Amino acid sequence: MPQRHSKNNNDLAFFTYDERKKLGYGTQKERLGKDSIKPFDFCCICLQPVIDPLCCLKGHLFCKECIFECLLAQKKDIKRKVAMFNLQQKQDQEEELEKRTLERERQLDAFDHQNSSAVPHQQGTQLTDGRQTFHGANSVRVTAYEEEALRTMKAFWLPSATPEAQERVQAPSTDTCCPQGNEKLRLKDLFPIIFTDVPHQEKKEVDIDGVKYLCPSCSVTFTNTLTLVAVSSCGHVFCKKCADQFVAQDKSCLACNKVCKSKQLVVLEKGGTGFAGHDDKLEATTFKHVGSGTGMGLSRPTTRL
């Protein structure tokens, strides 16, 4: 059976649908796999399984060492920025004081010159008929400060004499922030997380899937498909179903019987990376269009739906 004419016709002035499809023209879609999603028990900084896990009030998990190093680095950076800002403020005050001193000295010199002269000081040169001289349309009265500025003015057409704009330092914030959510984060806002391990006799059955933790209430193994809730008062982690039905109603932890309030239930964030977020449409798309004269598809940056 002969092939379709549209697939063999290559003498047209435009691309056919089949030719565009072969070149990859249009929107290409691909569903993200498991490797593109961060597991729920991984650190948001090092992207490795958490060691001595700590959690913020927004539900972001960190290793104890990672978050301490991050907050310490932020404090050092804040201290450096504050020192630069204070130095800039001090320099501005000194420059303002120097300008006021020069202006005061100029006024005193003008007053002294006018009073010590026998002839009153007259501005501008006058002719015999009383008319003032005209030096051109751009002739203006220049103050001593402007004359000094004109003498020291940089020549913008010479690379060696081009003036450089002084970089202004803005007043820095003195608050440390969460590296994942960029909200204000203090060290005392972090609380430890306690996962309930899978019993030893059941580990052999679940080691294939890599499941290590379960809910202490209903014994459901934790995966990325479940929404997890942590109790900030004690750190125990439950599935959302048990947290809503039992912990929130009884106002006590089911694992240690410690009293807790509804506002102390923190939903753990999971799955978020720089490329994909949990509970979003996990589908990467890229648009390709045919380049002029090359016959190759040019790709735009990948966007997330």
C-alpha atoms as a PDB file:
ATOM      1  CA  MET A   1       0.000   0.000   0.000  1.00  0.00           C
ATOM      2  CA  PRO A   2       1.553   3.359  -0.963  1.00  0.00           C
ATOM      3  CA  GLN A   3       2.288   5.870   1.740  1.00  0.00           C
ATOM      4  CA  ARG A   4       0.313   9.057   2.165  1.00  0.00           C
ATOM      5  CA  HIS A   5       1.274  11.890  -0.143  1.00  0.00           C
ATOM      6  CA  SER A   6       1.527  14.426   2.737  1.00  0.00           C
ATOM      7  CA  LYS A   7       4.337  12.434   4.347  1.00  0.00           C
ATOM      8  CA  ASN A   8       6.398  12.317   1.184  1.00  0.00           C
ATOM      9  CA  ASN A   9       5.785  15.810  -0.145  1.00  0.00           C
ATOM     10  CA  ASN A  10       8.960  17.821   0.646  1.00  0.00           C
ATOM     11  CA  ASP A  11       8.901  20.477  -2.050  1.00  0.00           C
ATOM     12  CA  LEU A  12       6.472  22.857  -0.333  1.00  0.00           C
ATOM     13  CA  ALA A  13       7.393  26.360   0.827  1.00  0.00           C
ATOM     14  CA  PHE A  14       6.132  25.584   4.334  1.00  0.00           C
ATOM     15  CA  PHE A  15       6.401  22.737   6.820  1.00  0.00           C
ATOM     16  CA  THR A  16       3.657  20.167   6.915  1.00  0.00           C
ATOM     17  CA  TYR A  17       2.195  18.891  10.171  1.00  0.00           C
ATOM     18  CA  ASP A  18       4.207  15.677   9.976  1.00  0.00           C
ATOM     19  CA  GLU A  19       7.458  17.559   9.363  1.00  0.00           C
ATOM     20  CA  ARG A  20       6.828  19.872  12.315  1.00  0.00           C
ATOM     21  CA  LYS A  21       6.053  16.913  14.527  1.00  0.00           C
ATOM     22  CA  LYS A  22       9.294  15.182  13.544  1.00  0.00           C
ATOM     23  CA  LEU A  23      11.259  18.367  14.300  1.00  0.00           C
ATOM     24  CA  GLY A  24       9.682  18.576  17.733  1.00  0.00           C
ATOM     25  CA  TYR A  25       7.649  21.698  17.004  1.00  0.00           C
ATOM     26  CA  GLY A  26       5.071  22.683  19.633  1.00  0.00           C
ATOM     27  CA  THR A  27       4.659  21.982  23.306  1.00  0.00           C
ATOM     28  CA  GLN A  28       6.407  18.876  24.583  1.00  0.00           C
ATOM     29  CA  LYS A  29       5.077  17.407  27.827  1.00  0.00           C
ATOM     30  CA  GLU A  30       6.599  14.915  30.199  1.00  0.00           C
ATOM     31  CA  ARG A  31       5.339  13.803  33.586  1.00  0.00           C
ATOM     32  CA  LEU A  32       7.895  14.079  36.350  1.00  0.00           C
ATOM     33  CA  GLY A  33       9.020  10.866  37.943  1.00  0.00           C
ATOM     34  CA  LYS A  34       9.818   9.940  41.506  1.00  0.00           C
ATOM     35  CA  ASP A  35      13.425  11.115  41.182  1.00  0.00           C
ATOM     36  CA  SER A  36      12.279  14.699  40.592  1.00  0.00           C
ATOM     37  CA  ILE A  37      10.360  14.914  43.890  1.00  0.00           C
ATOM     38  CA  LYS A  38      12.000  15.310  47.286  1.00  0.00           C
ATOM     39  CA  PRO A  39      10.955  12.592  49.794  1.00  0.00           C
ATOM     40  CA  PHE A  40       9.186  13.749  52.939  1.00  0.00           C
ATOM     41  CA  ASP A  41      12.065  12.713  55.244  1.00  0.00           C
ATOM     42  CA  PHE A  42      14.818  14.552  53.336  1.00  0.00           C
ATOM     43  CA  CYS A  43      16.517  17.750  54.459  1.00  0.00           C
ATOM     44  CA  CYS A  44      15.557  20.884  52.514  1.00  0.00           C
ATOM     45  CA  ILE A  45      19.184  22.071  52.493  1.00  0.00           C
ATOM     46  CA  CYS A  46      21.364  19.044  51.787  1.00  0.00           C
ATOM     47  CA  LEU A  47      18.592  16.968  50.107  1.00  0.00           C
ATOM     48  CA  GLN A  48      19.697  13.915  52.076  1.00  0.00           C
ATOM     49  CA  PRO A  49      17.877  11.840  54.724  1.00  0.00           C
ATOM     50  CA  VAL A  50      17.498  13.979  57.822  1.00  0.00           C
ATOM     51  CA  ILE A  51      19.845  13.489  60.772  1.00  0.00           C
ATOM     52  CA  ASP A  52      18.556  14.864  64.082  1.00  0.00           C
ATOM     53  CA  PRO A  53      15.593  16.435  62.257  1.00  0.00           C
ATOM     54  CA  LEU A  54      14.346  19.892  63.172  1.00  0.00           C
ATOM     55  CA  CYS A  55      11.214  21.526  61.781  1.00  0.00           C
ATOM     56  CA  CYS A  56      10.081  25.118  61.486  1.00  0.00           C
ATOM     57  CA  LEU A  57       6.533  26.327  62.061  1.00  0.00           C
ATOM     58  CA  LYS A  58       5.876  26.188  58.309  1.00  0.00           C
ATOM     59  CA  GLY A  59       6.640  22.464  58.148  1.00  0.00           C
ATOM     60  CA  HIS A  60      10.084  22.492  56.509  1.00  0.00           C
ATOM     61  CA  LEU A  61      12.443  19.719  57.654  1.00  0.00           C
ATOM     62  CA  PHE A  62      16.174  20.300  58.191  1.00  0.00           C
ATOM     63  CA  CYS A  63      19.128  18.438  59.583  1.00  0.00           C
ATOM     64  CA  LYS A  64      20.237  19.957  62.863  1.00  0.00           C
ATOM     65  CA  GLU A  65      23.745  20.606  61.602  1.00  0.00           C
ATOM     66  CA  CYS A  66      22.534  22.051  58.265  1.00  0.00           C
ATOM     67  CA  ILE A  67      20.081  24.558  59.741  1.00  0.00           C
ATOM     68  CA  PHE A  68      22.530  25.636  62.467  1.00  0.00           C
ATOM     69  CA  GLU A  69      25.230  26.317  59.869  1.00  0.00           C
ATOM     70  CA  CYS A  70      22.724  28.176  57.692  1.00  0.00           C
ATOM     71  CA  LEU A  71      21.502  30.428  60.523  1.00  0.00           C
ATOM     72  CA  LEU A  72      25.081  31.056  61.673  1.00  0.00           C
ATOM     73  CA  ALA A  73      26.108  32.059  58.144  1.00  0.00           C
ATOM     74  CA  GLN A  74      23.102  34.401  57.935  1.00  0.00           C
ATOM     75  CA  LYS A  75      24.028  36.043  61.242  1.00  0.00           C
ATOM     76  CA  LYS A  76      27.604  36.591  60.051  1.00  0.00           C
ATOM     77  CA  ASP A  77      26.321  38.096  56.805  1.00  0.00           C
ATOM     78  CA  ILE A  78      23.896  40.346  58.708  1.00  0.00           C
ATOM     79  CA  LYS A  79      26.729  41.504  60.992  1.00  0.00           C
ATOM     80  CA  ARG A  80      28.879  42.347  57.954  1.00  0.00           C
ATOM     81  CA  LYS A  81      26.049  44.273  56.260  1.00  0.00           C
ATOM     82  CA  VAL A  82      25.261  46.209  59.453  1.00  0.00           C
ATOM     83  CA  ALA A  83      28.933  47.188  59.790  1.00  0.00           C
ATOM     84  CA  MET A  84      29.012  48.409  56.168  1.00  0.00           C
ATOM     85  CA  PHE A  85      25.793  50.363  56.673  1.00  0.00           C
ATOM     86  CA  ASN A  86      27.100  52.004  59.871  1.00  0.00           C
ATOM     87  CA  LEU A  87      30.337  52.930  58.095  1.00  0.00           C
ATOM     88  CA  GLN A  88      28.353  54.470  55.268  1.00  0.00           C
ATOM     89  CA  GLN A  89      26.248  56.472  57.728  1.00  0.00           C
ATOM     90  CA  LYS A  90      29.392  57.720  59.448  1.00  0.00           C
ATOM     91  CA  GLN A  91      30.934  58.783  56.128  1.00  0.00           C
ATOM     92  CA  ASP A  92      27.740  60.611  55.153  1.00  0.00           C
ATOM     93  CA  GLN A  93      27.771  62.522  58.446  1.00  0.00           C
ATOM     94  CA  GLU A  94      31.434  63.475  57.984  1.00  0.00           C
ATOM     95  CA  GLU A  95      30.788  64.666  54.416  1.00  0.00           C
ATOM     96  CA  GLU A  96      27.791  66.709  55.535  1.00  0.00           C
ATOM     97  CA  LEU A  97      29.825  68.273  58.348  1.00  0.00           C
ATOM     98  CA  GLU A  98      32.643  69.072  55.933  1.00  0.00           C
ATOM     99  CA  LYS A  99      30.220  70.749  53.511  1.00  0.00           C
ATOM    100  CA  ARG A 100      28.749  72.864  56.290  1.00  0.00           C
ATOM    101  CA  THR A 101      32.251  73.870  57.439  1.00  0.00           C
ATOM    102  CA  LEU A 102      33.308  74.899  53.932  1.00  0.00           C
ATOM    103  CA  GLU A 103      30.097  76.852  53.418  1.00  0.00           C
ATOM    104  CA  ARG A 104      30.599  78.626  56.732  1.00  0.00           C
ATOM    105  CA  GLU A 105      34.191  79.487  55.865  1.00  0.00           C
ATOM    106  CA  ARG A 106      33.122  80.806  52.461  1.00  0.00           C
ATOM    107  CA  GLN A 107      30.519  83.049  54.036  1.00  0.00           C
ATOM    108  CA  LEU A 108      33.039  84.369  56.582  1.00  0.00           C
ATOM    109  CA  ASP A 109      35.624  85.049  53.825  1.00  0.00           C
ATOM    110  CA  ALA A 110      33.056  86.924  51.754  1.00  0.00           C
ATOM    111  CA  PHE A 111      31.961  88.978  54.754  1.00  0.00           C
ATOM    112  CA  ASP A 112      35.566  89.762  55.717  1.00  0.00           C
ATOM    113  CA  HIS A 113      36.495  90.712  52.142  1.00  0.00           C
ATOM    114  CA  GLN A 114      33.520  93.046  51.835  1.00  0.00           C
ATOM    115  CA  ASN A 115      34.147  94.847  55.151  1.00  0.00           C
ATOM    116  CA  SER A 116      37.948  95.166  54.867  1.00  0.00           C
ATOM    117  CA  SER A 117      37.892  96.715  51.376  1.00  0.00           C
ATOM    118  CA  ALA A 118      37.730 100.536  51.001  1.00  0.00           C
ATOM    119  CA  VAL A 119      35.632 100.231  47.840  1.00  0.00           C
ATOM    120  CA  PRO A 120      32.360  98.277  48.133  1.00  0.00           C
ATOM    121  CA  HIS A 121      32.567  94.906  46.488  1.00  0.00           C
ATOM    122  CA  GLN A 122      30.579  94.820  43.250  1.00  0.00           C
ATOM    123  CA  GLN A 123      29.513  91.684  41.509  1.00  0.00           C
ATOM    124  CA  GLY A 124      30.377  91.610  37.823  1.00  0.00           C
ATOM    125  CA  THR A 125      32.508  94.015  35.730  1.00  0.00           C
ATOM    126  CA  GLN A 126      30.830  97.241  34.672  1.00  0.00           C
ATOM    127  CA  LEU A 127      31.552  99.403  31.650  1.00  0.00           C
ATOM    128  CA  THR A 128      32.019 103.209  31.663  1.00  0.00           C
ATOM    129  CA  ASP A 129      28.395 103.786  30.698  1.00  0.00           C
ATOM    130  CA  GLY A 130      27.165 101.712  33.660  1.00  0.00           C
ATOM    131  CA  ARG A 131      26.166  98.662  31.671  1.00  0.00           C
ATOM    132  CA  GLN A 132      27.373  95.235  32.785  1.00  0.00           C
ATOM    133  CA  THR A 133      29.471  93.082  30.505  1.00  0.00           C
ATOM    134  CA  PHE A 134      27.796  90.183  28.730  1.00  0.00           C
ATOM    135  CA  HIS A 135      29.817  86.994  28.544  1.00  0.00           C
ATOM    136  CA  GLY A 136      27.382  84.958  26.484  1.00  0.00           C
ATOM    137  CA  ALA A 137      24.065  83.189  26.826  1.00  0.00           C
ATOM    138  CA  ASN A 138      25.521  80.594  29.204  1.00  0.00           C
ATOM    139  CA  SER A 139      27.073  83.131  31.540  1.00  0.00           C
ATOM    140  CA  VAL A 140      25.937  82.425  35.100  1.00  0.00           C
ATOM    141  CA  ARG A 141      27.110  83.360  38.545  1.00  0.00           C
ATOM    142  CA  VAL A 142      29.286  80.576  39.922  1.00  0.00           C
ATOM    143  CA  THR A 143      29.805  80.076  43.630  1.00  0.00           C
ATOM    144  CA  ALA A 144      33.106  79.100  45.215  1.00  0.00           C
ATOM    145  CA  TYR A 145      31.790  75.587  45.886  1.00  0.00           C
ATOM    146  CA  GLU A 146      30.806  75.190  42.226  1.00  0.00           C
ATOM    147  CA  GLU A 147      34.198  76.484  41.092  1.00  0.00           C
ATOM    148  CA  GLU A 148      35.904  73.884  43.253  1.00  0.00           C
ATOM    149  CA  ALA A 149      33.614  71.214  41.824  1.00  0.00           C
ATOM    150  CA  LEU A 150      34.395  72.310  38.256  1.00  0.00           C
ATOM    151  CA  ARG A 151      38.145  72.137  38.913  1.00  0.00           C
ATOM    152  CA  THR A 152      37.920  68.633  40.319  1.00  0.00           C
ATOM    153  CA  MET A 153      35.293  67.398  37.871  1.00  0.00           C
ATOM    154  CA  LYS A 154      36.040  64.059  36.241  1.00  0.00           C
ATOM    155  CA  ALA A 155      36.185  63.823  32.463  1.00  0.00           C
ATOM    156  CA  PHE A 156      33.582  61.293  31.402  1.00  0.00           C
ATOM    157  CA  TRP A 157      35.192  60.844  27.963  1.00  0.00           C
ATOM    158  CA  LEU A 158      38.489  59.574  29.456  1.00  0.00           C
ATOM    159  CA  PRO A 159      38.388  56.019  30.847  1.00  0.00           C
ATOM    160  CA  SER A 160      41.020  56.876  33.461  1.00  0.00           C
ATOM    161  CA  ALA A 161      39.060  59.913  34.665  1.00  0.00           C
ATOM    162  CA  THR A 162      35.556  58.505  34.466  1.00  0.00           C
ATOM    163  CA  PRO A 163      33.696  59.077  37.736  1.00  0.00           C
ATOM    164  CA  GLU A 164      32.480  56.004  39.559  1.00  0.00           C
ATOM    165  CA  ALA A 165      29.068  55.891  41.169  1.00  0.00           C
ATOM    166  CA  GLN A 166      29.333  55.086  44.833  1.00  0.00           C
ATOM    167  CA  GLU A 167      27.378  51.989  45.740  1.00  0.00           C
ATOM    168  CA  ARG A 168      24.812  52.718  48.407  1.00  0.00           C
ATOM    169  CA  VAL A 169      24.161  50.112  51.058  1.00  0.00           C
ATOM    170  CA  GLN A 170      20.548  49.754  52.106  1.00  0.00           C
ATOM    171  CA  ALA A 171      19.607  49.224  55.737  1.00  0.00           C
ATOM    172  CA  PRO A 172      19.836  45.427  56.199  1.00  0.00           C
ATOM    173  CA  SER A 173      17.280  43.311  57.987  1.00  0.00           C
ATOM    174  CA  THR A 174      18.507  41.856  61.255  1.00  0.00           C
ATOM    175  CA  ASP A 175      16.184  38.824  61.127  1.00  0.00           C
ATOM    176  CA  THR A 176      17.278  35.390  59.962  1.00  0.00           C
ATOM    177  CA  CYS A 177      14.964  33.681  57.483  1.00  0.00           C
ATOM    178  CA  CYS A 178      14.051  30.139  56.556  1.00  0.00           C
ATOM    179  CA  PRO A 179      16.161  28.928  53.601  1.00  0.00           C
ATOM    180  CA  GLN A 180      13.152  27.136  52.123  1.00  0.00           C
ATOM    181  CA  GLY A 181      10.221  29.498  52.676  1.00  0.00           C
ATOM    182  CA  ASN A 182      12.056  32.839  53.176  1.00  0.00           C
ATOM    183  CA  GLU A 183       9.897  33.658  56.198  1.00  0.00           C
ATOM    184  CA  LYS A 184      11.311  34.946  59.474  1.00  0.00           C
ATOM    185  CA  LEU A 185      12.951  32.102  61.399  1.00  0.00           C
ATOM    186  CA  ARG A 186      14.515  32.143  64.833  1.00  0.00           C
ATOM    187  CA  LEU A 187      16.402  29.344  66.518  1.00  0.00           C
ATOM    188  CA  LYS A 188      13.756  28.967  69.217  1.00  0.00           C
ATOM    189  CA  ASP A 189      11.073  28.461  66.546  1.00  0.00           C
ATOM    190  CA  LEU A 190      12.601  25.107  65.585  1.00  0.00           C
ATOM    191  CA  PHE A 191      11.381  21.955  67.287  1.00  0.00           C
ATOM    192  CA  PRO A 192      12.676  18.361  67.024  1.00  0.00           C
ATOM    193  CA  ILE A 193      10.822  15.753  64.972  1.00  0.00           C
ATOM    194  CA  ILE A 194      10.289  12.171  66.212  1.00  0.00           C
ATOM    195  CA  PHE A 195       9.424   9.586  63.575  1.00  0.00           C
ATOM    196  CA  THR A 196       8.061   6.202  64.643  1.00  0.00           C
ATOM    197  CA  ASP A 197      10.207   3.492  63.098  1.00  0.00           C
ATOM    198  CA  VAL A 198       8.757   0.395  61.463  1.00  0.00           C
ATOM    199  CA  PRO A 199       8.998  -2.643  63.802  1.00  0.00           C
ATOM    200  CA  HIS A 200      11.927  -4.977  63.167  1.00  0.00           C
ATOM    201  CA  GLN A 201       9.773  -7.950  62.144  1.00  0.00           C
ATOM    202  CA  GLU A 202       8.051  -5.845  59.447  1.00  0.00           C
ATOM    203  CA  LYS A 203      11.165  -4.192  58.053  1.00  0.00           C
ATOM    204  CA  LYS A 204      11.962  -7.112  55.756  1.00  0.00           C
ATOM    205  CA  GLU A 205       8.587  -6.714  54.055  1.00  0.00           C
ATOM    206  CA  VAL A 206       8.841  -2.973  53.459  1.00  0.00           C
ATOM    207  CA  ASP A 207      12.570  -2.603  52.772  1.00  0.00           C
ATOM    208  CA  ILE A 208      11.876  -3.094  49.072  1.00  0.00           C
ATOM    209  CA  ASP A 209       9.910   0.161  48.912  1.00  0.00           C
ATOM    210  CA  GLY A 210      12.296   1.993  51.223  1.00  0.00           C
ATOM    211  CA  VAL A 211       9.626   2.742  53.840  1.00  0.00           C
ATOM    212  CA  LYS A 212      11.123   3.435  57.267  1.00  0.00           C
ATOM    213  CA  TYR A 213       8.428   5.181  59.319  1.00  0.00           C
ATOM    214  CA  LEU A 214       4.777   4.678  60.205  1.00  0.00           C
ATOM    215  CA  CYS A 215       1.953   6.441  61.993  1.00  0.00           C
ATOM    216  CA  PRO A 216       1.943   5.550  65.725  1.00  0.00           C
ATOM    217  CA  SER A 217      -1.869   5.624  65.734  1.00  0.00           C
ATOM    218  CA  CYS A 218      -3.041   3.653  62.689  1.00  0.00           C
ATOM    219  CA  SER A 219       0.325   2.019  61.758  1.00  0.00           C
ATOM    220  CA  VAL A 220       0.091   3.243  58.155  1.00  0.00           C
ATOM    221  CA  THR A 221       3.513   3.492  56.559  1.00  0.00           C
ATOM    222  CA  PHE A 222       4.554   7.002  55.538  1.00  0.00           C
ATOM    223  CA  THR A 223       5.030   7.776  51.857  1.00  0.00           C
ATOM    224  CA  ASN A 224       4.980  10.928  49.762  1.00  0.00           C
ATOM    225  CA  THR A 225       1.317  10.323  48.960  1.00  0.00           C
ATOM    226  CA  LEU A 226       0.291  10.975  52.575  1.00  0.00           C
ATOM    227  CA  THR A 227      -0.050  14.346  54.251  1.00  0.00           C
ATOM    228  CA  LEU A 228       1.865  14.285  57.547  1.00  0.00           C
ATOM    229  CA  VAL A 229       1.223  16.387  60.643  1.00  0.00           C
ATOM    230  CA  ALA A 230       3.750  16.998  63.432  1.00  0.00           C
ATOM    231  CA  VAL A 231       2.959  18.057  66.998  1.00  0.00           C
ATOM    232  CA  SER A 232       5.265  20.955  67.863  1.00  0.00           C
ATOM    233  CA  SER A 233       4.992  20.373  71.618  1.00  0.00           C
ATOM    234  CA  CYS A 234       6.482  16.859  71.531  1.00  0.00           C
ATOM    235  CA  GLY A 235       7.590  16.288  67.912  1.00  0.00           C
ATOM    236  CA  HIS A 236       5.633  13.098  67.116  1.00  0.00           C
ATOM    237  CA  VAL A 237       4.399  12.733  63.537  1.00  0.00           C
ATOM    238  CA  PHE A 238       0.968  11.396  62.548  1.00  0.00           C
ATOM    239  CA  CYS A 239      -0.943  11.057  59.326  1.00  0.00           C
ATOM    240  CA  LYS A 240      -3.407  13.877  58.725  1.00  0.00           C
ATOM    241  CA  LYS A 241      -6.431  11.625  59.210  1.00  0.00           C
ATOM    242  CA  CYS A 242      -5.404  10.585  62.726  1.00  0.00           C
ATOM    243  CA  ALA A 243      -4.296  14.118  63.586  1.00  0.00           C
ATOM    244  CA  ASP A 244      -7.678  15.589  62.649  1.00  0.00           C
ATOM    245  CA  GLN A 245      -9.837  12.852  64.170  1.00  0.00           C
ATOM    246  CA  PHE A 246      -7.951  12.105  67.385  1.00  0.00           C
ATOM    247  CA  VAL A 247      -5.146  14.534  68.251  1.00  0.00           C
ATOM    248  CA  ALA A 248      -7.120  17.684  67.455  1.00  0.00           C
ATOM    249  CA  GLN A 249     -10.217  16.366  69.229  1.00  0.00           C
ATOM    250  CA  ASP A 250      -8.541  14.955  72.355  1.00  0.00           C
ATOM    251  CA  LYS A 251      -5.973  17.817  72.509  1.00  0.00           C
ATOM    252  CA  SER A 252      -3.246  15.384  73.523  1.00  0.00           C
ATOM    253  CA  CYS A 253      -0.560  13.402  71.702  1.00  0.00           C
ATOM    254  CA  LEU A 254      -1.474   9.770  71.091  1.00  0.00           C
ATOM    255  CA  ALA A 255       2.139   8.646  71.509  1.00  0.00           C
ATOM    256  CA  CYS A 256       3.172  10.387  74.748  1.00  0.00           C
ATOM    257  CA  ASN A 257      -0.140  11.789  76.075  1.00  0.00           C
ATOM    258  CA  LYS A 258       1.338  15.271  76.216  1.00  0.00           C
ATOM    259  CA  VAL A 259      -1.178  18.103  76.073  1.00  0.00           C
ATOM    260  CA  CYS A 260      -1.230  19.973  72.769  1.00  0.00           C
ATOM    261  CA  LYS A 261      -3.381  22.637  71.117  1.00  0.00           C
ATOM    262  CA  SER A 262      -4.778  22.795  67.629  1.00  0.00           C
ATOM    263  CA  LYS A 263      -2.355  25.574  66.662  1.00  0.00           C
ATOM    264  CA  GLN A 264       0.545  23.266  67.584  1.00  0.00           C
ATOM    265  CA  LEU A 265      -0.294  20.884  64.719  1.00  0.00           C
ATOM    266  CA  VAL A 266       2.135  21.620  61.879  1.00  0.00           C
ATOM    267  CA  VAL A 267       1.633  20.130  58.423  1.00  0.00           C
ATOM    268  CA  LEU A 268       4.975  18.902  57.068  1.00  0.00           C
ATOM    269  CA  GLU A 269       5.920  20.210  53.650  1.00  0.00           C
ATOM    270  CA  LYS A 270       7.162  17.550  51.265  1.00  0.00           C
ATOM    271  CA  GLY A 271       8.014  17.006  47.648  1.00  0.00           C
ATOM    272  CA  GLY A 272       9.101  20.567  46.972  1.00  0.00           C
ATOM    273  CA  THR A 273      12.294  21.103  45.018  1.00  0.00           C
ATOM    274  CA  GLY A 274      13.562  23.845  42.769  1.00  0.00           C
ATOM    275  CA  PHE A 275      11.820  22.159  39.843  1.00  0.00           C
ATOM    276  CA  ALA A 276       8.545  20.724  41.115  1.00  0.00           C
ATOM    277  CA  GLY A 277       6.195  21.148  44.038  1.00  0.00           C
ATOM    278  CA  HIS A 278       4.038  18.623  45.784  1.00  0.00           C
ATOM    279  CA  ASP A 279       0.315  18.552  44.972  1.00  0.00           C
ATOM    280  CA  ASP A 280       0.918  20.607  41.819  1.00  0.00           C
ATOM    281  CA  LYS A 281       0.525  19.378  38.260  1.00  0.00           C
ATOM    282  CA  LEU A 282       3.705  17.340  38.106  1.00  0.00           C
ATOM    283  CA  GLU A 283       4.232  17.847  34.390  1.00  0.00           C
ATOM    284  CA  ALA A 284       7.169  19.575  32.751  1.00  0.00           C
ATOM    285  CA  THR A 285       6.484  21.371  29.487  1.00  0.00           C
ATOM    286  CA  THR A 286       8.770  22.946  26.917  1.00  0.00           C
ATOM    287  CA  PHE A 287       7.867  24.796  23.720  1.00  0.00           C
ATOM    288  CA  LYS A 288       9.901  24.253  20.575  1.00  0.00           C
ATOM    289  CA  HIS A 289       9.666  26.262  17.381  1.00  0.00           C
ATOM    290  CA  VAL A 290      11.384  25.757  14.060  1.00  0.00           C
ATOM    291  CA  GLY A 291      14.445  27.922  13.521  1.00  0.00           C
ATOM    292  CA  SER A 292      14.644  29.935  10.294  1.00  0.00           C
ATOM    293  CA  GLY A 293      16.853  28.318   7.687  1.00  0.00           C
ATOM    294  CA  THR A 294      18.231  25.606   9.982  1.00  0.00           C
ATOM    295  CA  GLY A 295      15.478  23.024  10.092  1.00  0.00           C
ATOM    296  CA  MET A 296      16.249  22.455  13.784  1.00  0.00           C
ATOM    297  CA  GLY A 297      13.969  23.008  16.729  1.00  0.00           C
ATOM    298  CA  LEU A 298      14.923  25.804  19.117  1.00  0.00           C
ATOM    299  CA  SER A 299      13.844  25.203  22.690  1.00  0.00           C
ATOM    300  CA  ARG A 300      12.541  27.777  25.141  1.00  0.00           C
ATOM    301  CA  PRO A 301      13.275  27.428  28.885  1.00  0.00           C
ATOM    302  CA  THR A 302      11.292  24.711  30.588  1.00  0.00           C
ATOM    303  CA  THR A 303       8.314  25.962  32.558  1.00  0.00           C
ATOM    304  CA  ARG A 304       6.169  24.263  35.158  1.00  0.00           C
ATOM    305  CA  LEU A 305       2.425  24.071  34.838  1.00  0.00           C
END
